PDB file of all heavy atoms in Angstrom:
ATOM      1  N   VAL A   1     110.570  98.896  92.001  1.00  0.00           N
ATOM      2  CA  VAL A   1     111.159  98.955  93.370  1.00  0.00           C
ATOM      3  C   VAL A   1     111.275  97.579  93.916  1.00  0.00           C
ATOM      4  O   VAL A   1     110.513  96.662  93.661  1.00  0.00           O
ATOM      5  CB  VAL A   1     110.327  99.863  94.298  1.00  0.00           C
ATOM      6  CG1 VAL A   1     110.511 101.319  93.975  1.00  0.00           C
ATOM      7  CG2 VAL A   1     108.817  99.489  94.227  1.00  0.00           C
ATOM      8  N   SER A   2     112.319  97.411  94.814  1.00  0.00           N
ATOM      9  CA  SER A   2     112.558  96.139  95.460  1.00  0.00           C
ATOM     10  C   SER A   2     113.152  96.442  96.813  1.00  0.00           C
ATOM     11  O   SER A   2     113.063  97.558  97.326  1.00  0.00           O
ATOM     12  CB  SER A   2     113.484  95.275  94.628  1.00  0.00           C
ATOM     13  OG  SER A   2     113.638  93.987  95.164  1.00  0.00           O
ATOM     14  N   GLY A   3     113.840  95.434  97.432  1.00  0.00           N
ATOM     15  CA  GLY A   3     114.429  95.593  98.778  1.00  0.00           C
ATOM     16  C   GLY A   3     113.455  95.113  99.835  1.00  0.00           C
ATOM     17  O   GLY A   3     112.282  94.915  99.601  1.00  0.00           O
ATOM     18  N   PRO A   4     113.977  94.879 101.059  1.00  0.00           N
ATOM     19  CA  PRO A   4     113.176  94.182 102.109  1.00  0.00           C
ATOM     20  C   PRO A   4     111.820  94.824 102.386  1.00  0.00           C
ATOM     21  O   PRO A   4     110.824  94.077 102.482  1.00  0.00           O
ATOM     22  CB  PRO A   4     114.060  94.305 103.352  1.00  0.00           C
ATOM     23  CG  PRO A   4     115.461  94.385 102.831  1.00  0.00           C
ATOM     24  CD  PRO A   4     115.369  95.118 101.508  1.00  0.00           C
ATOM     25  N   VAL A   5     111.698  96.141 102.520  1.00  0.00           N
ATOM     26  CA  VAL A   5     110.412  96.728 102.889  1.00  0.00           C
ATOM     27  C   VAL A   5     109.390  96.606 101.741  1.00  0.00           C
ATOM     28  O   VAL A   5     108.188  96.450 101.964  1.00  0.00           O
ATOM     29  CB  VAL A   5     110.504  98.225 103.328  1.00  0.00           C
ATOM     30  CG1 VAL A   5     111.308  98.356 104.609  1.00  0.00           C
ATOM     31  CG2 VAL A   5     111.088  99.105 102.252  1.00  0.00           C
ATOM     32  N   ILE A   6     109.885  96.611 100.511  1.00  0.00           N
ATOM     33  CA  ILE A   6     108.980  96.458  99.324  1.00  0.00           C
ATOM     34  C   ILE A   6     108.522  95.009  99.222  1.00  0.00           C
ATOM     35  O   ILE A   6     107.385  94.734  98.954  1.00  0.00           O
ATOM     36  CB  ILE A   6     109.739  96.936  98.037  1.00  0.00           C
ATOM     37  CG1 ILE A   6     110.182  98.363  98.159  1.00  0.00           C
ATOM     38  CG2 ILE A   6     108.858  96.692  96.830  1.00  0.00           C
ATOM     39  CD1 ILE A   6     109.074  99.414  98.271  1.00  0.00           C
ATOM     40  N   LEU A   7     109.485  94.096  99.385  1.00  0.00           N
ATOM     41  CA  LEU A   7     109.147  92.687  99.259  1.00  0.00           C
ATOM     42  C   LEU A   7     108.068  92.294 100.289  1.00  0.00           C
ATOM     43  O   LEU A   7     107.083  91.623  99.943  1.00  0.00           O
ATOM     44  CB  LEU A   7     110.371  91.811  99.435  1.00  0.00           C
ATOM     45  CG  LEU A   7     111.506  91.997  98.400  1.00  0.00           C
ATOM     46  CD1 LEU A   7     112.705  91.131  98.771  1.00  0.00           C
ATOM     47  CD2 LEU A   7     111.046  91.655  96.978  1.00  0.00           C
ATOM     48  N   SER A   8     108.291  92.692 101.520  1.00  0.00           N
ATOM     49  CA  SER A   8     107.279  92.375 102.558  1.00  0.00           C
ATOM     50  C   SER A   8     105.931  93.072 102.236  1.00  0.00           C
ATOM     51  O   SER A   8     104.886  92.461 102.356  1.00  0.00           O
ATOM     52  CB  SER A   8     107.767  92.853 103.963  1.00  0.00           C
ATOM     53  OG  SER A   8     108.679  91.920 104.459  1.00  0.00           O
ATOM     54  N   GLY A   9     106.006  94.347 101.790  1.00  0.00           N
ATOM     55  CA  GLY A   9     104.785  95.047 101.452  1.00  0.00           C
ATOM     56  C   GLY A   9     104.028  94.421 100.309  1.00  0.00           C
ATOM     57  O   GLY A   9     102.780  94.432 100.281  1.00  0.00           O
ATOM     58  N   SER A  10     104.742  93.778  99.393  1.00  0.00           N
ATOM     59  CA  SER A  10     104.112  93.250  98.189  1.00  0.00           C
ATOM     60  C   SER A  10     103.026  92.176  98.573  1.00  0.00           C
ATOM     61  O   SER A  10     102.019  92.018  97.852  1.00  0.00           O
ATOM     62  CB  SER A  10     105.128  92.588  97.256  1.00  0.00           C
ATOM     63  OG  SER A  10     105.683  91.387  97.797  1.00  0.00           O
ATOM     64  N   ARG A  11     103.244  91.485  99.649  1.00  0.00           N
ATOM     65  CA  ARG A  11     102.277  90.458 100.102  1.00  0.00           C
ATOM     66  C   ARG A  11     100.869  91.035 100.397  1.00  0.00           C
ATOM     67  O   ARG A  11      99.886  90.364 100.177  1.00  0.00           O
ATOM     68  CB  ARG A  11     102.839  89.761 101.321  1.00  0.00           C
ATOM     69  CG  ARG A  11     101.958  88.616 101.908  1.00  0.00           C
ATOM     70  CD  ARG A  11     101.743  87.548 100.904  1.00  0.00           C
ATOM     71  NE  ARG A  11     100.913  86.444 101.371  1.00  0.00           N
ATOM     72  CZ  ARG A  11      99.580  86.464 101.434  1.00  0.00           C
ATOM     73  NH1 ARG A  11      98.944  87.554 101.076  1.00  0.00           N
ATOM     74  NH2 ARG A  11      98.935  85.398 101.804  1.00  0.00           N
ATOM     75  N   HIS A  12     100.833  92.294 100.795  1.00  0.00           N
ATOM     76  CA  HIS A  12      99.606  92.923 101.167  1.00  0.00           C
ATOM     77  C   HIS A  12      98.822  93.455  99.965  1.00  0.00           C
ATOM     78  O   HIS A  12      97.652  93.870 100.069  1.00  0.00           O
ATOM     79  CB  HIS A  12      99.871  94.121 102.089  1.00  0.00           C
ATOM     80  CG  HIS A  12     100.420  93.674 103.393  1.00  0.00           C
ATOM     81  ND1 HIS A  12      99.682  93.597 104.566  1.00  0.00           N
ATOM     82  CD2 HIS A  12     101.666  93.331 103.719  1.00  0.00           C
ATOM     83  CE1 HIS A  12     100.442  93.186 105.529  1.00  0.00           C
ATOM     84  NE2 HIS A  12     101.635  93.023 105.096  1.00  0.00           N
ATOM     85  N   LEU A  13      99.447  93.425  98.792  1.00  0.00           N
ATOM     86  CA  LEU A  13      98.802  94.016  97.611  1.00  0.00           C
ATOM     87  C   LEU A  13      98.113  92.996  96.782  1.00  0.00           C
ATOM     88  O   LEU A  13      97.385  93.346  95.806  1.00  0.00           O
ATOM     89  CB  LEU A  13      99.854  94.769  96.775  1.00  0.00           C
ATOM     90  CG  LEU A  13     100.819  95.687  97.552  1.00  0.00           C
ATOM     91  CD1 LEU A  13     101.724  96.414  96.573  1.00  0.00           C
ATOM     92  CD2 LEU A  13     100.047  96.694  98.406  1.00  0.00           C
ATOM     93  N   LEU A  14      98.343  91.695  97.066  1.00  0.00           N
ATOM     94  CA  LEU A  14      97.860  90.619  96.202  1.00  0.00           C
ATOM     95  C   LEU A  14      96.333  90.689  95.988  1.00  0.00           C
ATOM     96  O   LEU A  14      95.859  90.592  94.827  1.00  0.00           O
ATOM     97  CB  LEU A  14      98.228  89.263  96.802  1.00  0.00           C
ATOM     98  CG  LEU A  14      99.651  88.781  96.626  1.00  0.00           C
ATOM     99  CD1 LEU A  14      99.842  87.455  97.342  1.00  0.00           C
ATOM    100  CD2 LEU A  14      99.962  88.641  95.128  1.00  0.00           C
ATOM    101  N   GLU A  15      95.581  90.850  97.047  1.00  0.00           N
ATOM    102  CA  GLU A  15      94.130  90.778  96.922  1.00  0.00           C
ATOM    103  C   GLU A  15      93.586  92.011  96.144  1.00  0.00           C
ATOM    104  O   GLU A  15      92.455  91.994  95.685  1.00  0.00           O
ATOM    105  CB  GLU A  15      93.427  90.680  98.266  1.00  0.00           C
ATOM    106  CG  GLU A  15      93.666  91.872  99.193  1.00  0.00           C
ATOM    107  CD  GLU A  15      93.042  91.611 100.541  1.00  0.00           C
ATOM    108  OE1 GLU A  15      91.800  91.700 100.658  1.00  0.00           O
ATOM    109  OE2 GLU A  15      93.806  91.366 101.541  1.00  0.00           O
ATOM    110  N   TYR A  16      94.390  93.050  95.986  1.00  0.00           N
ATOM    111  CA  TYR A  16      93.974  94.215  95.194  1.00  0.00           C
ATOM    112  C   TYR A  16      94.416  94.177  93.763  1.00  0.00           C
ATOM    113  O   TYR A  16      94.152  95.085  92.970  1.00  0.00           O
ATOM    114  CB  TYR A  16      94.510  95.483  95.883  1.00  0.00           C
ATOM    115  CG  TYR A  16      93.976  95.725  97.271  1.00  0.00           C
ATOM    116  CD1 TYR A  16      94.642  95.169  98.374  1.00  0.00           C
ATOM    117  CD2 TYR A  16      92.797  96.420  97.462  1.00  0.00           C
ATOM    118  CE1 TYR A  16      94.113  95.345  99.658  1.00  0.00           C
ATOM    119  CE2 TYR A  16      92.300  96.614  98.740  1.00  0.00           C
ATOM    120  CZ  TYR A  16      92.957  96.049  99.838  1.00  0.00           C
ATOM    121  OH  TYR A  16      92.408  96.219 101.100  1.00  0.00           O
ATOM    122  N   GLU A  17      95.140  93.050  93.399  1.00  0.00           N
ATOM    123  CA  GLU A  17      95.611  92.873  92.003  1.00  0.00           C
ATOM    124  C   GLU A  17      96.420  94.055  91.530  1.00  0.00           C
ATOM    125  O   GLU A  17      96.493  94.348  90.320  1.00  0.00           O
ATOM    126  CB  GLU A  17      94.390  92.654  91.098  1.00  0.00           C
ATOM    127  CG  GLU A  17      93.440  91.532  91.464  1.00  0.00           C
ATOM    128  CD  GLU A  17      93.954  90.145  91.183  1.00  0.00           C
ATOM    129  OE1 GLU A  17      94.959  90.030  90.432  1.00  0.00           O
ATOM    130  OE2 GLU A  17      93.392  89.183  91.706  1.00  0.00           O
ATOM    131  N   TYR A  18      97.059  94.721  92.486  1.00  0.00           N
ATOM    132  CA  TYR A  18      97.921  95.878  92.154  1.00  0.00           C
ATOM    133  C   TYR A  18      97.201  97.052  91.489  1.00  0.00           C
ATOM    134  O   TYR A  18      97.794  97.911  90.893  1.00  0.00           O
ATOM    135  CB  TYR A  18      99.158  95.476  91.278  1.00  0.00           C
ATOM    136  CG  TYR A  18      99.880  94.286  91.841  1.00  0.00           C
ATOM    137  CD1 TYR A  18      99.777  93.007  91.257  1.00  0.00           C
ATOM    138  CD2 TYR A  18     100.695  94.397  92.972  1.00  0.00           C
ATOM    139  CE1 TYR A  18     100.476  91.934  91.779  1.00  0.00           C
ATOM    140  CE2 TYR A  18     101.327  93.334  93.535  1.00  0.00           C
ATOM    141  CZ  TYR A  18     101.191  92.087  92.930  1.00  0.00           C
ATOM    142  OH  TYR A  18     101.888  91.022  93.445  1.00  0.00           O
ATOM    143  N   ARG A  19      95.877  97.087  91.621  1.00  0.00           N
ATOM    144  CA  ARG A  19      95.110  98.190  91.033  1.00  0.00           C
ATOM    145  C   ARG A  19      94.926  99.337  92.099  1.00  0.00           C
ATOM    146  O   ARG A  19      94.677  99.105  93.222  1.00  0.00           O
ATOM    147  CB  ARG A  19      93.701  97.727  90.602  1.00  0.00           C
ATOM    148  CG  ARG A  19      93.772  96.779  89.421  1.00  0.00           C
ATOM    149  CD  ARG A  19      92.365  96.641  88.800  1.00  0.00           C
ATOM    150  NE  ARG A  19      92.408  95.574  87.787  1.00  0.00           N
ATOM    151  CZ  ARG A  19      91.966  94.323  88.009  1.00  0.00           C
ATOM    152  NH1 ARG A  19      91.423  94.031  89.210  1.00  0.00           N
ATOM    153  NH2 ARG A  19      92.028  93.409  87.100  1.00  0.00           N
ATOM    154  N   ASP A  20      95.090 100.559  91.568  1.00  0.00           N
ATOM    155  CA  ASP A  20      94.888 101.764  92.413  1.00  0.00           C
ATOM    156  C   ASP A  20      95.806 101.737  93.632  1.00  0.00           C
ATOM    157  O   ASP A  20      95.375 102.210  94.740  1.00  0.00           O
ATOM    158  CB  ASP A  20      93.422 101.910  92.867  1.00  0.00           C
ATOM    159  CG  ASP A  20      92.480 101.997  91.648  1.00  0.00           C
ATOM    160  OD1 ASP A  20      92.789 102.831  90.748  1.00  0.00           O
ATOM    161  OD2 ASP A  20      91.464 101.282  91.597  1.00  0.00           O
ATOM    162  N   ILE A  21      96.967 101.227  93.511  1.00  0.00           N
ATOM    163  CA  ILE A  21      97.887 101.221  94.640  1.00  0.00           C
ATOM    164  C   ILE A  21      98.982 102.244  94.441  1.00  0.00           C
ATOM    165  O   ILE A  21      99.597 102.396  93.375  1.00  0.00           O
ATOM    166  CB  ILE A  21      98.596  99.813  94.769  1.00  0.00           C
ATOM    167  CG1 ILE A  21      97.597  98.682  94.833  1.00  0.00           C
ATOM    168  CG2 ILE A  21      99.528  99.807  95.966  1.00  0.00           C
ATOM    169  CD1 ILE A  21      96.896  98.507  96.121  1.00  0.00           C
ATOM    170  N   GLU A  22      99.236 102.982  95.484  1.00  0.00           N
ATOM    171  CA  GLU A  22     100.305 104.014  95.444  1.00  0.00           C
ATOM    172  C   GLU A  22     101.359 103.712  96.508  1.00  0.00           C
ATOM    173  O   GLU A  22     100.981 103.368  97.619  1.00  0.00           O
ATOM    174  CB  GLU A  22      99.667 105.423  95.653  1.00  0.00           C
ATOM    175  CG  GLU A  22     100.406 106.543  94.968  1.00  0.00           C
ATOM    176  CD  GLU A  22      99.601 107.862  94.977  1.00  0.00           C
ATOM    177  OE1 GLU A  22      98.647 107.975  95.732  1.00  0.00           O
ATOM    178  OE2 GLU A  22     100.024 108.741  94.196  1.00  0.00           O
ATOM    179  N   LEU A  23     102.593 103.940  96.138  1.00  0.00           N
ATOM    180  CA  LEU A  23     103.691 103.803  97.122  1.00  0.00           C
ATOM    181  C   LEU A  23     104.112 105.191  97.555  1.00  0.00           C
ATOM    182  O   LEU A  23     104.367 106.074  96.707  1.00  0.00           O
ATOM    183  CB  LEU A  23     104.873 103.081  96.484  1.00  0.00           C
ATOM    184  CG  LEU A  23     106.203 103.113  97.187  1.00  0.00           C
ATOM    185  CD1 LEU A  23     106.123 102.401  98.583  1.00  0.00           C
ATOM    186  CD2 LEU A  23     107.302 102.469  96.384  1.00  0.00           C
ATOM    187  N   HIS A  24     104.155 105.418  98.841  1.00  0.00           N
ATOM    188  CA  HIS A  24     104.595 106.699  99.449  1.00  0.00           C
ATOM    189  C   HIS A  24     105.902 106.438 100.167  1.00  0.00           C
ATOM    190  O   HIS A  24     105.982 105.555 101.039  1.00  0.00           O
ATOM    191  CB  HIS A  24     103.545 107.224 100.430  1.00  0.00           C
ATOM    192  CG  HIS A  24     102.174 107.348  99.902  1.00  0.00           C
ATOM    193  ND1 HIS A  24     101.576 108.556  99.697  1.00  0.00           N
ATOM    194  CD2 HIS A  24     101.253 106.378  99.553  1.00  0.00           C
ATOM    195  CE1 HIS A  24     100.354 108.342  99.247  1.00  0.00           C
ATOM    196  NE2 HIS A  24     100.157 107.044  99.159  1.00  0.00           N
ATOM    197  N   ILE A  25     106.930 107.206  99.824  1.00  0.00           N
ATOM    198  CA  ILE A  25     108.203 107.054 100.491  1.00  0.00           C
ATOM    199  C   ILE A  25     108.568 108.367 101.242  1.00  0.00           C
ATOM    200  O   ILE A  25     108.571 109.452 100.651  1.00  0.00           O
ATOM    201  CB  ILE A  25     109.360 106.810  99.421  1.00  0.00           C
ATOM    202  CG1 ILE A  25     109.015 105.587  98.584  1.00  0.00           C
ATOM    203  CG2 ILE A  25     110.702 106.591 100.156  1.00  0.00           C
ATOM    204  CD1 ILE A  25     109.935 105.431  97.350  1.00  0.00           C
ATOM    205  N   ASP A  26     108.805 108.207 102.519  1.00  0.00           N
ATOM    206  CA  ASP A  26     109.330 109.329 103.304  1.00  0.00           C
ATOM    207  C   ASP A  26     110.833 109.147 103.284  1.00  0.00           C
ATOM    208  O   ASP A  26     111.400 108.274 103.949  1.00  0.00           O
ATOM    209  CB  ASP A  26     108.821 109.241 104.749  1.00  0.00           C
ATOM    210  CG  ASP A  26     109.247 110.390 105.602  1.00  0.00           C
ATOM    211  OD1 ASP A  26     110.203 111.136 105.163  1.00  0.00           O
ATOM    212  OD2 ASP A  26     108.720 110.598 106.742  1.00  0.00           O
ATOM    213  N   ILE A  27     111.473 110.008 102.525  1.00  0.00           N
ATOM    214  CA  ILE A  27     112.929 109.882 102.281  1.00  0.00           C
ATOM    215  C   ILE A  27     113.745 110.356 103.525  1.00  0.00           C
ATOM    216  O   ILE A  27     114.855 109.903 103.781  1.00  0.00           O
ATOM    217  CB  ILE A  27     113.382 110.690 101.030  1.00  0.00           C
ATOM    218  CG1 ILE A  27     112.722 110.089  99.794  1.00  0.00           C
ATOM    219  CG2 ILE A  27     114.910 110.730 100.839  1.00  0.00           C
ATOM    220  CD1 ILE A  27     112.812 110.938  98.516  1.00  0.00           C
ATOM    221  N   LYS A  28     113.119 111.150 104.350  1.00  0.00           N
ATOM    222  CA  LYS A  28     113.749 111.692 105.555  1.00  0.00           C
ATOM    223  C   LYS A  28     112.875 111.492 106.819  1.00  0.00           C
ATOM    224  O   LYS A  28     112.435 112.414 107.430  1.00  0.00           O
ATOM    225  CB  LYS A  28     114.055 113.221 105.390  1.00  0.00           C
ATOM    226  CG  LYS A  28     115.121 113.499 104.303  1.00  0.00           C
ATOM    227  CD  LYS A  28     116.510 113.124 104.828  1.00  0.00           C
ATOM    228  CE  LYS A  28     117.532 113.279 103.693  1.00  0.00           C
ATOM    229  NZ  LYS A  28     118.855 112.766 104.129  1.00  0.00           N
ATOM    230  N   PRO A  29     112.648 110.201 107.192  1.00  0.00           N
ATOM    231  CA  PRO A  29     111.755 109.953 108.286  1.00  0.00           C
ATOM    232  C   PRO A  29     112.203 110.422 109.645  1.00  0.00           C
ATOM    233  O   PRO A  29     111.398 110.608 110.543  1.00  0.00           O
ATOM    234  CB  PRO A  29     111.629 108.405 108.264  1.00  0.00           C
ATOM    235  CG  PRO A  29     112.854 107.944 107.586  1.00  0.00           C
ATOM    236  CD  PRO A  29     113.246 108.989 106.606  1.00  0.00           C
ATOM    237  N   ALA A  30     113.515 110.630 109.779  1.00  0.00           N
ATOM    238  CA  ALA A  30     114.019 111.078 111.111  1.00  0.00           C
ATOM    239  C   ALA A  30     113.689 112.562 111.368  1.00  0.00           C
ATOM    240  O   ALA A  30     113.748 113.036 112.523  1.00  0.00           O
ATOM    241  CB  ALA A  30     115.529 110.889 111.176  1.00  0.00           C
ATOM    242  N   LEU A  31     113.270 113.277 110.321  1.00  0.00           N
ATOM    243  CA  LEU A  31     112.962 114.713 110.497  1.00  0.00           C
ATOM    244  C   LEU A  31     111.476 114.922 110.211  1.00  0.00           C
ATOM    245  O   LEU A  31     110.960 114.470 109.165  1.00  0.00           O
ATOM    246  CB  LEU A  31     113.758 115.575 109.505  1.00  0.00           C
ATOM    247  CG  LEU A  31     115.285 115.434 109.615  1.00  0.00           C
ATOM    248  CD1 LEU A  31     115.945 116.215 108.434  1.00  0.00           C
ATOM    249  CD2 LEU A  31     115.807 115.961 110.929  1.00  0.00           C
ATOM    250  N   ASP A  32     110.756 115.619 111.103  1.00  0.00           N
ATOM    251  CA  ASP A  32     109.356 115.981 110.765  1.00  0.00           C
ATOM    252  C   ASP A  32     109.371 117.106 109.800  1.00  0.00           C
ATOM    253  O   ASP A  32     110.426 117.642 109.385  1.00  0.00           O
ATOM    254  CB  ASP A  32     108.527 116.286 112.051  1.00  0.00           C
ATOM    255  CG  ASP A  32     109.093 117.455 112.800  1.00  0.00           C
ATOM    256  OD1 ASP A  32     109.775 118.310 112.198  1.00  0.00           O
ATOM    257  OD2 ASP A  32     108.759 117.626 113.994  1.00  0.00           O
ATOM    258  N   TYR A  33     108.205 117.513 109.305  1.00  0.00           N
ATOM    259  CA  TYR A  33     108.110 118.569 108.256  1.00  0.00           C
ATOM    260  C   TYR A  33     108.879 119.804 108.637  1.00  0.00           C
ATOM    261  O   TYR A  33     109.613 120.381 107.871  1.00  0.00           O
ATOM    262  CB  TYR A  33     106.652 118.838 107.948  1.00  0.00           C
ATOM    263  CG  TYR A  33     105.984 117.840 107.011  1.00  0.00           C
ATOM    264  CD1 TYR A  33     105.532 116.647 107.529  1.00  0.00           C
ATOM    265  CD2 TYR A  33     105.829 118.118 105.656  1.00  0.00           C
ATOM    266  CE1 TYR A  33     104.936 115.728 106.683  1.00  0.00           C
ATOM    267  CE2 TYR A  33     105.239 117.172 104.790  1.00  0.00           C
ATOM    268  CZ  TYR A  33     104.794 116.003 105.333  1.00  0.00           C
ATOM    269  OH  TYR A  33     104.222 115.047 104.470  1.00  0.00           O
ATOM    270  N   ASP A  34     108.643 120.256 109.893  1.00  0.00           N
ATOM    271  CA  ASP A  34     109.192 121.478 110.372  1.00  0.00           C
ATOM    272  C   ASP A  34     110.744 121.392 110.423  1.00  0.00           C
ATOM    273  O   ASP A  34     111.446 122.317 109.948  1.00  0.00           O
ATOM    274  CB  ASP A  34     108.632 121.797 111.782  1.00  0.00           C
ATOM    275  CG  ASP A  34     108.997 123.234 112.184  1.00  0.00           C
ATOM    276  OD1 ASP A  34     108.909 124.125 111.383  1.00  0.00           O
ATOM    277  OD2 ASP A  34     109.415 123.398 113.309  1.00  0.00           O
ATOM    278  N   LYS A  35     111.251 120.264 110.955  1.00  0.00           N
ATOM    279  CA  LYS A  35     112.708 120.086 111.088  1.00  0.00           C
ATOM    280  C   LYS A  35     113.369 119.963 109.696  1.00  0.00           C
ATOM    281  O   LYS A  35     114.481 120.467 109.486  1.00  0.00           O
ATOM    282  CB  LYS A  35     113.035 118.857 111.955  1.00  0.00           C
ATOM    283  CG  LYS A  35     112.861 119.099 113.409  1.00  0.00           C
ATOM    284  CD  LYS A  35     113.281 117.874 114.240  1.00  0.00           C
ATOM    285  CE  LYS A  35     113.071 118.168 115.734  1.00  0.00           C
ATOM    286  NZ  LYS A  35     112.699 116.910 116.471  1.00  0.00           N
ATOM    287  N   LEU A  36     112.672 119.285 108.797  1.00  0.00           N
ATOM    288  CA  LEU A  36     113.219 119.155 107.453  1.00  0.00           C
ATOM    289  C   LEU A  36     113.244 120.523 106.753  1.00  0.00           C
ATOM    290  O   LEU A  36     114.211 120.842 106.078  1.00  0.00           O
ATOM    291  CB  LEU A  36     112.408 118.129 106.626  1.00  0.00           C
ATOM    292  CG  LEU A  36     112.869 117.895 105.187  1.00  0.00           C
ATOM    293  CD1 LEU A  36     114.358 117.423 105.182  1.00  0.00           C
ATOM    294  CD2 LEU A  36     111.972 116.868 104.492  1.00  0.00           C
ATOM    295  N   ASP A  37     112.228 121.298 106.970  1.00  0.00           N
ATOM    296  CA  ASP A  37     112.196 122.649 106.366  1.00  0.00           C
ATOM    297  C   ASP A  37     113.375 123.491 106.906  1.00  0.00           C
ATOM    298  O   ASP A  37     114.072 124.173 106.143  1.00  0.00           O
ATOM    299  CB  ASP A  37     110.861 123.313 106.707  1.00  0.00           C
ATOM    300  CG  ASP A  37     110.729 124.698 106.003  1.00  0.00           C
ATOM    301  OD1 ASP A  37     111.291 124.878 104.902  1.00  0.00           O
ATOM    302  OD2 ASP A  37     110.135 125.599 106.602  1.00  0.00           O
ATOM    303  N   LYS A  38     113.590 123.375 108.197  1.00  0.00           N
ATOM    304  CA  LYS A  38     114.745 124.150 108.802  1.00  0.00           C
ATOM    305  C   LYS A  38     116.074 123.622 108.277  1.00  0.00           C
ATOM    306  O   LYS A  38     116.964 124.437 107.985  1.00  0.00           O
ATOM    307  CB  LYS A  38     114.685 124.029 110.346  1.00  0.00           C
ATOM    308  CG  LYS A  38     113.591 124.815 111.019  1.00  0.00           C
ATOM    309  CD  LYS A  38     113.788 124.873 112.527  1.00  0.00           C
ATOM    310  CE  LYS A  38     112.852 125.838 113.206  1.00  0.00           C
ATOM    311  NZ  LYS A  38     111.475 125.492 113.191  1.00  0.00           N
TER     312      LYS A  38
END
């Protein structure tokens, strides 16, 4: 993965040496769970 949000985020992962790191993407952030279900 790349792009602005990933590049900025990468700086925060350095001290963890990329171990046990998970990326979570909310593909539809404008809708909460209930609205997305509807």
